[in-house]
Amino acid sequence: KKLDLNGQSYFVINGPGIASGRDSWIYNYSLNIVADRIEQMVSFYN
């Protein structure tokens, strides 16, 4: 279980990587493109 401090295992915690559901928005090789896309989407959402 999560944070099993008394368990008999190598690690006390583990978890999955990020599943965004919107990779083309939150990921990019360009920092500026990610920032521009998210700023526009957040504005539209609001």
All heavy atoms as atom14 arrays in JSON, in Angstrom:
{
  "sequence": "KKLDLNGQSYFVINGPGIASGRDSWIYNYSLNIVADRIEQMVSFYN",
  "atom14_mask": [
    [1, 1, 1, 1, 1, 1, 1, 1, 1, 0, 0, 0, 0, 0],
    [1, 1, 1, 1, 1, 1, 1, 1, 1, 0, 0, 0, 0, 0],
    [1, 1, 1, 1, 1, 1, 1, 1, 0, 0, 0, 0, 0, 0],
    [1, 1, 1, 1, 1, 1, 1, 1, 0, 0, 0, 0, 0, 0],
    [1, 1, 1, 1, 1, 1, 1, 1, 0, 0, 0, 0, 0, 0],
    [1, 1, 1, 1, 1, 1, 1, 1, 0, 0, 0, 0, 0, 0],
    [1, 1, 1, 1, 0, 0, 0, 0, 0, 0, 0, 0, 0, 0],
    [1, 1, 1, 1, 1, 1, 1, 1, 1, 0, 0, 0, 0, 0],
    [1, 1, 1, 1, 1, 1, 0, 0, 0, 0, 0, 0, 0, 0],
    [1, 1, 1, 1, 1, 1, 1, 1, 1, 1, 1, 1, 0, 0],
    [1, 1, 1, 1, 1, 1, 1, 1, 1, 1, 1, 0, 0, 0],
    [1, 1, 1, 1, 1, 1, 1, 0, 0, 0, 0, 0, 0, 0],
    [1, 1, 1, 1, 1, 1, 1, 1, 0, 0, 0, 0, 0, 0],
    [1, 1, 1, 1, 1, 1, 1, 1, 0, 0, 0, 0, 0, 0],
    [1, 1, 1, 1, 0, 0, 0, 0, 0, 0, 0, 0, 0, 0],
    [1, 1, 1, 1, 1, 1, 1, 0, 0, 0, 0, 0, 0, 0],
    [1, 1, 1, 1, 0, 0, 0, 0, 0, 0, 0, 0, 0, 0],
    [1, 1, 1, 1, 1, 1, 1, 1, 0, 0, 0, 0, 0, 0],
    [1, 1, 1, 1, 1, 0, 0, 0, 0, 0, 0, 0, 0, 0],
    [1, 1, 1, 1, 1, 1, 0, 0, 0, 0, 0, 0, 0, 0],
    [1, 1, 1, 1, 0, 0, 0, 0, 0, 0, 0, 0, 0, 0],
    [1, 1, 1, 1, 1, 1, 1, 1, 1, 1, 1, 0, 0, 0],
    [1, 1, 1, 1, 1, 1, 1, 1, 0, 0, 0, 0, 0, 0],
    [1, 1, 1, 1, 1, 1, 0, 0, 0, 0, 0, 0, 0, 0],
    [1, 1, 1, 1, 1, 1, 1, 1, 1, 1, 1, 1, 1, 1],
    [1, 1, 1, 1, 1, 1, 1, 1, 0, 0, 0, 0, 0, 0],
    [1, 1, 1, 1, 1, 1, 1, 1, 1, 1, 1, 1, 0, 0],
    [1, 1, 1, 1, 1, 1, 1, 1, 0, 0, 0, 0, 0, 0],
    [1, 1, 1, 1, 1, 1, 1, 1, 1, 1, 1, 1, 0, 0],
    [1, 1, 1, 1, 1, 1, 0, 0, 0, 0, 0, 0, 0, 0],
    [1, 1, 1, 1, 1, 1, 1, 1, 0, 0, 0, 0, 0, 0],
    [1, 1, 1, 1, 1, 1, 1, 1, 0, 0, 0, 0, 0, 0],
    [1, 1, 1, 1, 1, 1, 1, 1, 0, 0, 0, 0, 0, 0],
    [1, 1, 1, 1, 1, 1, 1, 0, 0, 0, 0, 0, 0, 0],
    [1, 1, 1, 1, 1, 0, 0, 0, 0, 0, 0, 0, 0, 0],
    [1, 1, 1, 1, 1, 1, 1, 1, 0, 0, 0, 0, 0, 0],
    [1, 1, 1, 1, 1, 1, 1, 1, 1, 1, 1, 0, 0, 0],
    [1, 1, 1, 1, 1, 1, 1, 1, 0, 0, 0, 0, 0, 0],
    [1, 1, 1, 1, 1, 1, 1, 1, 1, 0, 0, 0, 0, 0],
    [1, 1, 1, 1, 1, 1, 1, 1, 1, 0, 0, 0, 0, 0],
    [1, 1, 1, 1, 1, 1, 1, 1, 0, 0, 0, 0, 0, 0],
    [1, 1, 1, 1, 1, 1, 1, 0, 0, 0, 0, 0, 0, 0],
    [1, 1, 1, 1, 1, 1, 0, 0, 0, 0, 0, 0, 0, 0],
    [1, 1, 1, 1, 1, 1, 1, 1, 1, 1, 1, 0, 0, 0],
    [1, 1, 1, 1, 1, 1, 1, 1, 1, 1, 1, 1, 0, 0],
    [1, 1, 1, 1, 1, 1, 1, 1, 0, 0, 0, 0, 0, 0]
  ],
  "atom14_positions": [
    [[0.85, -1.19, 0.0], [0.0, 0.0, 0.0], [0.88, 1.24, 0.0], [2.07, 1.17, 0.3], [-0.93, 0.01, 1.22], [-0.21, -0.05, 2.56], [-1.2, -0.12, 3.72], [-0.45, -0.19, 5.06], [-1.37, -0.25, 6.2], [0.0, 0.0, 0.0], [0.0, 0.0, 0.0], [0.0, 0.0, 0.0], [0.0, 0.0, 0.0], [0.0, 0.0, 0.0]],
    [[0.3, 2.37, -0.36], [1.04, 3.63, -0.42], [1.59, 3.99, 0.96], [0.89, 3.91, 1.96], [0.11, 4.74, -0.93], [0.74, 6.11, -0.98], [-0.29, 7.15, -1.41], [0.25, 8.56, -1.28], [-0.76, 9.57, -1.62], [0.0, 0.0, 0.0], [0.0, 0.0, 0.0], [0.0, 0.0, 0.0], [0.0, 0.0, 0.0], [0.0, 0.0, 0.0]],
    [[2.88, 4.36, 0.98], [3.56, 4.75, 2.22], [3.47, 3.65, 3.28], [3.11, 3.9, 4.43], [3.0, 6.08, 2.76], [3.23, 7.3, 1.85], [2.64, 8.55, 2.48], [4.7, 7.5, 1.56], [0.0, 0.0, 0.0], [0.0, 0.0, 0.0], [0.0, 0.0, 0.0], [0.0, 0.0, 0.0], [0.0, 0.0, 0.0], [0.0, 0.0, 0.0]],
    [[3.8, 2.45, 2.84], [3.79, 1.3, 3.76], [5.14, 1.24, 4.48], [6.03, 0.5, 4.09], [3.52, 0.03, 2.96], [3.26, -1.17, 3.84], [3.27, -0.99, 5.07], [3.05, -2.27, 3.3], [0.0, 0.0, 0.0], [0.0, 0.0, 0.0], [0.0, 0.0, 0.0], [0.0, 0.0, 0.0], [0.0, 0.0, 0.0], [0.0, 0.0, 0.0]],
    [[5.28, 2.03, 5.53], [6.57, 2.18, 6.21], [7.0, 0.92, 6.95], [8.18, 0.74, 7.26], [6.52, 3.36, 7.19], [6.18, 4.73, 6.57], [6.19, 5.81, 7.63], [7.15, 5.08, 5.45], [0.0, 0.0, 0.0], [0.0, 0.0, 0.0], [0.0, 0.0, 0.0], [0.0, 0.0, 0.0], [0.0, 0.0, 0.0], [0.0, 0.0, 0.0]],
    [[6.06, 0.04, 7.22], [6.39, -1.19, 7.94], [6.35, -2.41, 7.03], [6.45, -3.54, 7.51], [5.4, -1.37, 9.11], [5.51, -0.25, 10.12], [6.61, 0.15, 10.5], [4.37, 0.27, 10.55], [0.0, 0.0, 0.0], [0.0, 0.0, 0.0], [0.0, 0.0, 0.0], [0.0, 0.0, 0.0], [0.0, 0.0, 0.0], [0.0, 0.0, 0.0]],
    [[6.21, -2.2, 5.74], [6.11, -3.31, 4.81], [7.46, -3.96, 4.52], [8.52, -3.4, 4.83], [0.0, 0.0, 0.0], [0.0, 0.0, 0.0], [0.0, 0.0, 0.0], [0.0, 0.0, 0.0], [0.0, 0.0, 0.0], [0.0, 0.0, 0.0], [0.0, 0.0, 0.0], [0.0, 0.0, 0.0], [0.0, 0.0, 0.0], [0.0, 0.0, 0.0]],
    [[7.42, -5.13, 3.94], [8.64, -5.88, 3.63], [8.89, -5.84, 2.11], [8.7, -6.83, 1.4], [8.53, -7.31, 4.15], [8.39, -7.37, 5.66], [8.4, -8.79, 6.2], [8.4, -9.76, 5.45], [8.41, -8.91, 7.51], [0.0, 0.0, 0.0], [0.0, 0.0, 0.0], [0.0, 0.0, 0.0], [0.0, 0.0, 0.0], [0.0, 0.0, 0.0]],
    [[9.31, -4.69, 1.66], [9.56, -4.47, 0.23], [10.74, -3.52, 0.1], [11.22, -2.94, 1.08], [8.32, -3.88, -0.44], [7.96, -2.65, 0.18], [0.0, 0.0, 0.0], [0.0, 0.0, 0.0], [0.0, 0.0, 0.0], [0.0, 0.0, 0.0], [0.0, 0.0, 0.0], [0.0, 0.0, 0.0], [0.0, 0.0, 0.0], [0.0, 0.0, 0.0]],
    [[11.22, -3.36, -1.13], [12.35, -2.45, -1.37], [11.95, -0.99, -1.22], [12.72, -0.18, -0.69], [12.92, -2.68, -2.77], [13.93, -3.8, -2.85], [13.52, -5.13, -2.99], [15.29, -3.56, -2.77], [14.43, -6.16, -3.06], [16.23, -4.59, -2.84], [15.79, -5.88, -2.98], [16.7, -6.91, -3.04], [0.0, 0.0, 0.0], [0.0, 0.0, 0.0]],
    [[10.75, -0.64, -1.69], [10.31, 0.75, -1.65], [9.05, 0.89, -0.82], [8.24, -0.04, -0.73], [10.04, 1.26, -3.08], [11.29, 1.46, -3.9], [11.85, 0.39, -4.59], [11.91, 2.69, -3.98], [13.01, 0.55, -5.33], [13.07, 2.87, -4.72], [13.62, 1.79, -5.41], [0.0, 0.0, 0.0], [0.0, 0.0, 0.0], [0.0, 0.0, 0.0]],
    [[8.88, 2.07, -0.21], [7.69, 2.33, 0.59], [6.61, 3.02, -0.23], [5.47, 3.14, 0.21], [8.03, 3.2, 1.83], [9.04, 2.52, 2.71], [8.53, 4.6, 1.42], [0.0, 0.0, 0.0], [0.0, 0.0, 0.0], [0.0, 0.0, 0.0], [0.0, 0.0, 0.0], [0.0, 0.0, 0.0], [0.0, 0.0, 0.0], [0.0, 0.0, 0.0]],
    [[6.97, 3.48, -1.43], [6.01, 4.22, -2.25], [6.39, 4.07, -3.72], [7.57, 3.97, -4.07], [5.99, 5.72, -1.85], [4.89, 6.48, -2.59], [7.35, 6.37, -2.07], [4.71, 7.91, -2.1], [0.0, 0.0, 0.0], [0.0, 0.0, 0.0], [0.0, 0.0, 0.0], [0.0, 0.0, 0.0], [0.0, 0.0, 0.0], [0.0, 0.0, 0.0]],
    [[5.39, 4.03, -4.56], [5.59, 4.09, -6.01], [4.29, 4.56, -6.64], [3.22, 4.52, -6.01], [5.99, 2.72, -6.58], [4.9, 1.69, -6.47], [4.69, 1.11, -5.4], [4.19, 1.43, -7.56], [0.0, 0.0, 0.0], [0.0, 0.0, 0.0], [0.0, 0.0, 0.0], [0.0, 0.0, 0.0], [0.0, 0.0, 0.0], [0.0, 0.0, 0.0]],
    [[4.37, 5.02, -7.86], [3.17, 5.51, -8.52], [3.38, 5.65, -10.01], [4.51, 5.63, -10.5], [0.0, 0.0, 0.0], [0.0, 0.0, 0.0], [0.0, 0.0, 0.0], [0.0, 0.0, 0.0], [0.0, 0.0, 0.0], [0.0, 0.0, 0.0], [0.0, 0.0, 0.0], [0.0, 0.0, 0.0], [0.0, 0.0, 0.0], [0.0, 0.0, 0.0]],
    [[2.3, 5.79, -10.77], [2.4, 5.88, -12.23], [2.91, 7.24, -12.67], [2.87, 8.23, -11.92], [0.96, 5.67, -12.69], [0.14, 6.2, -11.55], [0.9, 5.85, -10.3], [0.0, 0.0, 0.0], [0.0, 0.0, 0.0], [0.0, 0.0, 0.0], [0.0, 0.0, 0.0], [0.0, 0.0, 0.0], [0.0, 0.0, 0.0], [0.0, 0.0, 0.0]],
    [[3.41, 7.3, -13.91], [3.78, 8.57, -14.5], [2.53, 9.38, -14.82], [1.4, 8.93, -14.62], [0.0, 0.0, 0.0], [0.0, 0.0, 0.0], [0.0, 0.0, 0.0], [0.0, 0.0, 0.0], [0.0, 0.0, 0.0], [0.0, 0.0, 0.0], [0.0, 0.0, 0.0], [0.0, 0.0, 0.0], [0.0, 0.0, 0.0], [0.0, 0.0, 0.0]],
    [[2.72, 10.56, -15.36], [1.62, 11.47, -15.65], [0.85, 11.02, -16.88], [1.43, 10.73, -17.92], [2.15, 12.9, -15.89], [2.61, 13.51, -14.57], [1.1, 13.79, -16.54], [3.32, 14.82, -14.75], [0.0, 0.0, 0.0], [0.0, 0.0, 0.0], [0.0, 0.0, 0.0], [0.0, 0.0, 0.0], [0.0, 0.0, 0.0], [0.0, 0.0, 0.0]],
    [[-0.47, 10.98, -16.78], [-1.35, 10.79, -17.94], [-2.15, 12.08, -18.08], [-3.05, 12.35, -17.29], [-2.27, 9.6, -17.74], [0.0, 0.0, 0.0], [0.0, 0.0, 0.0], [0.0, 0.0, 0.0], [0.0, 0.0, 0.0], [0.0, 0.0, 0.0], [0.0, 0.0, 0.0], [0.0, 0.0, 0.0], [0.0, 0.0, 0.0], [0.0, 0.0, 0.0]],
    [[-1.79, 12.88, -19.07], [-2.36, 14.23, -19.16], [-3.74, 14.25, -19.81], [-4.59, 15.07, -19.45], [-1.42, 15.14, -19.95], [-1.49, 14.85, -21.33], [0.0, 0.0, 0.0], [0.0, 0.0, 0.0], [0.0, 0.0, 0.0], [0.0, 0.0, 0.0], [0.0, 0.0, 0.0], [0.0, 0.0, 0.0], [0.0, 0.0, 0.0], [0.0, 0.0, 0.0]],
    [[-3.98, 13.39, -20.79], [-5.22, 13.47, -21.54], [-5.2, 14.58, -22.58], [-6.16, 14.75, -23.33], [0.0, 0.0, 0.0], [0.0, 0.0, 0.0], [0.0, 0.0, 0.0], [0.0, 0.0, 0.0], [0.0, 0.0, 0.0], [0.0, 0.0, 0.0], [0.0, 0.0, 0.0], [0.0, 0.0, 0.0], [0.0, 0.0, 0.0], [0.0, 0.0, 0.0]],
    [[-4.08, 15.35, -22.62], [-3.96, 16.46, -23.59], [-2.48, 16.7, -23.9], [-1.97, 17.81, -23.75], [-4.64, 17.71, -23.04], [-4.21, 18.15, -21.64], [-4.93, 19.42, -21.2], [-6.36, 19.23, -21.16], [-7.01, 18.64, -20.16], [-6.33, 18.2, -19.11], [-8.31, 18.5, -20.2], [0.0, 0.0, 0.0], [0.0, 0.0, 0.0], [0.0, 0.0, 0.0]],
    [[-1.8, 15.65, -24.33], [-0.35, 15.74, -24.58], [0.02, 16.87, -25.53], [1.01, 17.56, -25.34], [0.18, 14.42, -25.13], [0.27, 13.34, -24.06], [-0.29, 13.54, -22.98], [0.89, 12.3, -24.33], [0.0, 0.0, 0.0], [0.0, 0.0, 0.0], [0.0, 0.0, 0.0], [0.0, 0.0, 0.0], [0.0, 0.0, 0.0], [0.0, 0.0, 0.0]],
    [[-0.76, 17.04, -26.61], [-0.41, 18.04, -27.62], [-0.49, 19.46, -27.08], [0.05, 20.39, -27.68], [-1.31, 17.9, -28.85], [-2.67, 18.12, -28.51], [0.0, 0.0, 0.0], [0.0, 0.0, 0.0], [0.0, 0.0, 0.0], [0.0, 0.0, 0.0], [0.0, 0.0, 0.0], [0.0, 0.0, 0.0], [0.0, 0.0, 0.0], [0.0, 0.0, 0.0]],
    [[-1.15, 19.63, -25.93], [-1.25, 20.96, -25.31], [-0.15, 21.18, -24.27], [0.47, 22.23, -24.24], [-2.61, 21.12, -24.63], [-3.75, 21.24, -25.58], [-4.46, 20.21, -26.14], [-4.32, 22.45, -26.11], [-5.43, 20.7, -26.97], [-5.38, 22.07, -26.97], [-4.04, 23.8, -25.92], [-6.15, 22.99, -27.64], [-4.81, 24.74, -26.6], [-5.85, 24.34, -27.46]],
    [[0.07, 20.2, -23.42], [0.97, 20.46, -22.28], [2.42, 20.09, -22.55], [3.3, 20.45, -21.77], [0.49, 19.74, -21.01], [0.73, 18.23, -21.1], [-0.95, 20.05, -20.7], [0.71, 17.54, -19.76], [0.0, 0.0, 0.0], [0.0, 0.0, 0.0], [0.0, 0.0, 0.0], [0.0, 0.0, 0.0], [0.0, 0.0, 0.0], [0.0, 0.0, 0.0]],
    [[2.7, 19.37, -23.65], [4.08, 18.99, -23.99], [4.52, 19.68, -25.28], [3.74, 19.82, -26.21], [4.2, 17.47, -24.22], [4.12, 16.59, -23.01], [3.02, 15.77, -22.79], [5.17, 16.53, -22.09], [2.96, 14.92, -21.69], [5.11, 15.69, -20.99], [4.02, 14.89, -20.79], [3.97, 14.05, -19.7], [0.0, 0.0, 0.0], [0.0, 0.0, 0.0]],
    [[5.79, 20.05, -25.32], [6.38, 20.51, -26.57], [7.88, 20.68, -26.39], [8.36, 20.87, -25.27], [5.77, 21.84, -27.04], [5.96, 22.06, -28.53], [6.98, 22.57, -28.97], [4.97, 21.67, -29.32], [0.0, 0.0, 0.0], [0.0, 0.0, 0.0], [0.0, 0.0, 0.0], [0.0, 0.0, 0.0], [0.0, 0.0, 0.0], [0.0, 0.0, 0.0]],
    [[8.62, 20.63, -27.51], [10.06, 20.88, -27.44], [10.35, 22.36, -27.23], [11.44, 22.73, -26.82], [10.74, 20.41, -28.74], [10.69, 18.92, -28.94], [9.86, 18.36, -29.89], [11.48, 18.07, -28.17], [9.82, 16.98, -30.09], [11.44, 16.69, -28.34], [10.6, 16.16, -29.31], [10.55, 14.8, -29.49], [0.0, 0.0, 0.0], [0.0, 0.0, 0.0]],
    [[9.37, 23.2, -27.54], [9.53, 24.65, -27.39], [8.82, 25.14, -26.13], [7.62, 24.92, -25.96], [8.97, 25.38, -28.61], [8.82, 26.76, -28.36], [0.0, 0.0, 0.0], [0.0, 0.0, 0.0], [0.0, 0.0, 0.0], [0.0, 0.0, 0.0], [0.0, 0.0, 0.0], [0.0, 0.0, 0.0], [0.0, 0.0, 0.0], [0.0, 0.0, 0.0]],
    [[9.56, 25.79, -25.26], [8.97, 26.35, -24.04], [7.91, 27.4, -24.38], [6.84, 27.43, -23.77], [10.08, 26.98, -23.18], [9.66, 27.56, -21.83], [9.2, 26.45, -20.9], [10.81, 28.32, -21.19], [0.0, 0.0, 0.0], [0.0, 0.0, 0.0], [0.0, 0.0, 0.0], [0.0, 0.0, 0.0], [0.0, 0.0, 0.0], [0.0, 0.0, 0.0]],
    [[8.19, 28.23, -25.38], [7.26, 29.3, -25.75], [5.95, 28.75, -26.3], [4.87, 29.29, -26.03], [7.9, 30.24, -26.77], [9.03, 31.06, -26.18], [9.05, 31.3, -24.97], [9.98, 31.47, -27.0], [0.0, 0.0, 0.0], [0.0, 0.0, 0.0], [0.0, 0.0, 0.0], [0.0, 0.0, 0.0], [0.0, 0.0, 0.0], [0.0, 0.0, 0.0]],
    [[6.05, 27.65, -27.08], [4.82, 27.08, -27.65], [3.94, 26.5, -26.54], [2.72, 26.71, -26.53], [5.17, 25.99, -28.69], [5.74, 26.64, -29.95], [3.93, 25.16, -29.04], [6.2, 25.66, -31.0], [0.0, 0.0, 0.0], [0.0, 0.0, 0.0], [0.0, 0.0, 0.0], [0.0, 0.0, 0.0], [0.0, 0.0, 0.0], [0.0, 0.0, 0.0]],
    [[4.55, 25.78, -25.57], [3.76, 25.25, -24.44], [3.09, 26.4, -23.7], [1.89, 26.35, -23.41], [4.65, 24.45, -23.47], [3.85, 24.07, -22.23], [5.19, 23.2, -24.13], [0.0, 0.0, 0.0], [0.0, 0.0, 0.0], [0.0, 0.0, 0.0], [0.0, 0.0, 0.0], [0.0, 0.0, 0.0], [0.0, 0.0, 0.0], [0.0, 0.0, 0.0]],
    [[3.85, 27.45, -23.4], [3.31, 28.58, -22.64], [2.16, 29.25, -23.4], [1.1, 29.54, -22.81], [4.42, 29.59, -22.37], [0.0, 0.0, 0.0], [0.0, 0.0, 0.0], [0.0, 0.0, 0.0], [0.0, 0.0, 0.0], [0.0, 0.0, 0.0], [0.0, 0.0, 0.0], [0.0, 0.0, 0.0], [0.0, 0.0, 0.0], [0.0, 0.0, 0.0]],
    [[2.33, 29.47, -24.7], [1.29, 30.13, -25.49], [0.02, 29.28, -25.56], [-1.09, 29.79, -25.4], [1.8, 30.4, -26.91], [2.85, 31.51, -26.95], [2.96, 32.24, -25.95], [3.55, 31.62, -27.98], [0.0, 0.0, 0.0], [0.0, 0.0, 0.0], [0.0, 0.0, 0.0], [0.0, 0.0, 0.0], [0.0, 0.0, 0.0], [0.0, 0.0, 0.0]],
    [[0.19, 27.98, -25.8], [-0.98, 27.11, -25.92], [-1.77, 27.04, -24.62], [-3.0, 27.12, -24.61], [-0.53, 25.7, -26.34], [-0.14, 25.6, -27.8], [0.35, 24.2, -28.14], [0.71, 24.08, -29.54], [1.31, 23.04, -30.08], [1.64, 22.0, -29.31], [1.6, 23.0, -31.37], [0.0, 0.0, 0.0], [0.0, 0.0, 0.0], [0.0, 0.0, 0.0]],
    [[-1.05, 26.87, -23.51], [-1.73, 26.75, -22.22], [-2.4, 28.06, -21.83], [-3.53, 28.08, -21.32], [-0.75, 26.29, -21.12], [-0.25, 24.87, -21.41], [-1.41, 26.35, -19.75], [-1.35, 23.82, -21.44], [0.0, 0.0, 0.0], [0.0, 0.0, 0.0], [0.0, 0.0, 0.0], [0.0, 0.0, 0.0], [0.0, 0.0, 0.0], [0.0, 0.0, 0.0]],
    [[-1.72, 29.16, -22.08], [-2.3, 30.47, -21.74], [-3.6, 30.68, -22.5], [-4.59, 31.17, -21.94], [-1.29, 31.58, -22.08], [-1.59, 32.89, -21.39], [-0.42, 33.85, -21.41], [0.56, 33.59, -22.15], [-0.49, 34.87, -20.69], [0.0, 0.0, 0.0], [0.0, 0.0, 0.0], [0.0, 0.0, 0.0], [0.0, 0.0, 0.0], [0.0, 0.0, 0.0]],
    [[-3.61, 30.29, -23.78], [-4.83, 30.44, -24.58], [-5.92, 29.5, -24.1], [-7.1, 29.89, -24.01], [-4.51, 30.17, -26.05], [-3.64, 31.23, -26.72], [-3.21, 30.83, -28.12], [-3.9, 30.08, -28.8], [-2.06, 31.33, -28.56], [0.0, 0.0, 0.0], [0.0, 0.0, 0.0], [0.0, 0.0, 0.0], [0.0, 0.0, 0.0], [0.0, 0.0, 0.0]],
    [[-5.56, 28.26, -23.78], [-6.57, 27.3, -23.33], [-7.15, 27.69, -21.98], [-8.35, 27.57, -21.75], [-5.98, 25.89, -23.25], [-7.06, 24.85, -23.0], [-6.51, 23.12, -23.13], [-5.65, 22.93, -21.6], [0.0, 0.0, 0.0], [0.0, 0.0, 0.0], [0.0, 0.0, 0.0], [0.0, 0.0, 0.0], [0.0, 0.0, 0.0], [0.0, 0.0, 0.0]],
    [[-6.3, 28.16, -21.07], [-6.78, 28.59, -19.75], [-7.74, 29.77, -19.89], [-8.78, 29.84, -19.22], [-5.59, 28.95, -18.84], [-6.05, 29.73, -17.61], [-4.86, 27.69, -18.41], [0.0, 0.0, 0.0], [0.0, 0.0, 0.0], [0.0, 0.0, 0.0], [0.0, 0.0, 0.0], [0.0, 0.0, 0.0], [0.0, 0.0, 0.0], [0.0, 0.0, 0.0]],
    [[-7.39, 30.7, -20.77], [-8.26, 31.85, -21.0], [-9.61, 31.41, -21.56], [-10.67, 31.88, -21.12], [-7.57, 32.82, -21.97], [-8.42, 33.9, -22.27], [0.0, 0.0, 0.0], [0.0, 0.0, 0.0], [0.0, 0.0, 0.0], [0.0, 0.0, 0.0], [0.0, 0.0, 0.0], [0.0, 0.0, 0.0], [0.0, 0.0, 0.0], [0.0, 0.0, 0.0]],
    [[-9.59, 30.47, -22.5], [-10.83, 29.97, -23.09], [-11.65, 29.22, -22.04], [-12.88, 29.37, -21.96], [-10.5, 29.05, -24.27], [-11.71, 28.54, -25.0], [-12.38, 29.35, -25.9], [-12.19, 27.26, -24.77], [-13.51, 28.88, -26.57], [-13.31, 26.78, -25.43], [-13.97, 27.6, -26.34], [0.0, 0.0, 0.0], [0.0, 0.0, 0.0], [0.0, 0.0, 0.0]],
    [[-11.0, 28.4, -21.24], [-11.69, 27.65, -20.18], [-12.38, 28.61, -19.22], [-13.55, 28.4, -18.85], [-10.69, 26.79, -19.4], [-11.22, 26.3, -18.07], [-11.96, 25.13, -17.97], [-11.01, 27.04, -16.9], [-12.47, 24.69, -16.76], [-11.51, 26.62, -15.68], [-12.24, 25.45, -15.62], [-12.76, 25.04, -14.4], [0.0, 0.0, 0.0], [0.0, 0.0, 0.0]],
    [[-11.69, 29.66, -18.79], [-12.27, 30.6, -17.83], [-13.48, 31.33, -18.42], [-14.46, 31.6, -17.7], [-11.22, 31.61, -17.36], [-10.23, 30.99, -16.38], [-10.57, 30.07, -15.62], [-9.0, 31.47, -16.38], [0.0, 0.0, 0.0], [0.0, 0.0, 0.0], [0.0, 0.0, 0.0], [0.0, 0.0, 0.0], [0.0, 0.0, 0.0], [0.0, 0.0, 0.0]]
  ]
}
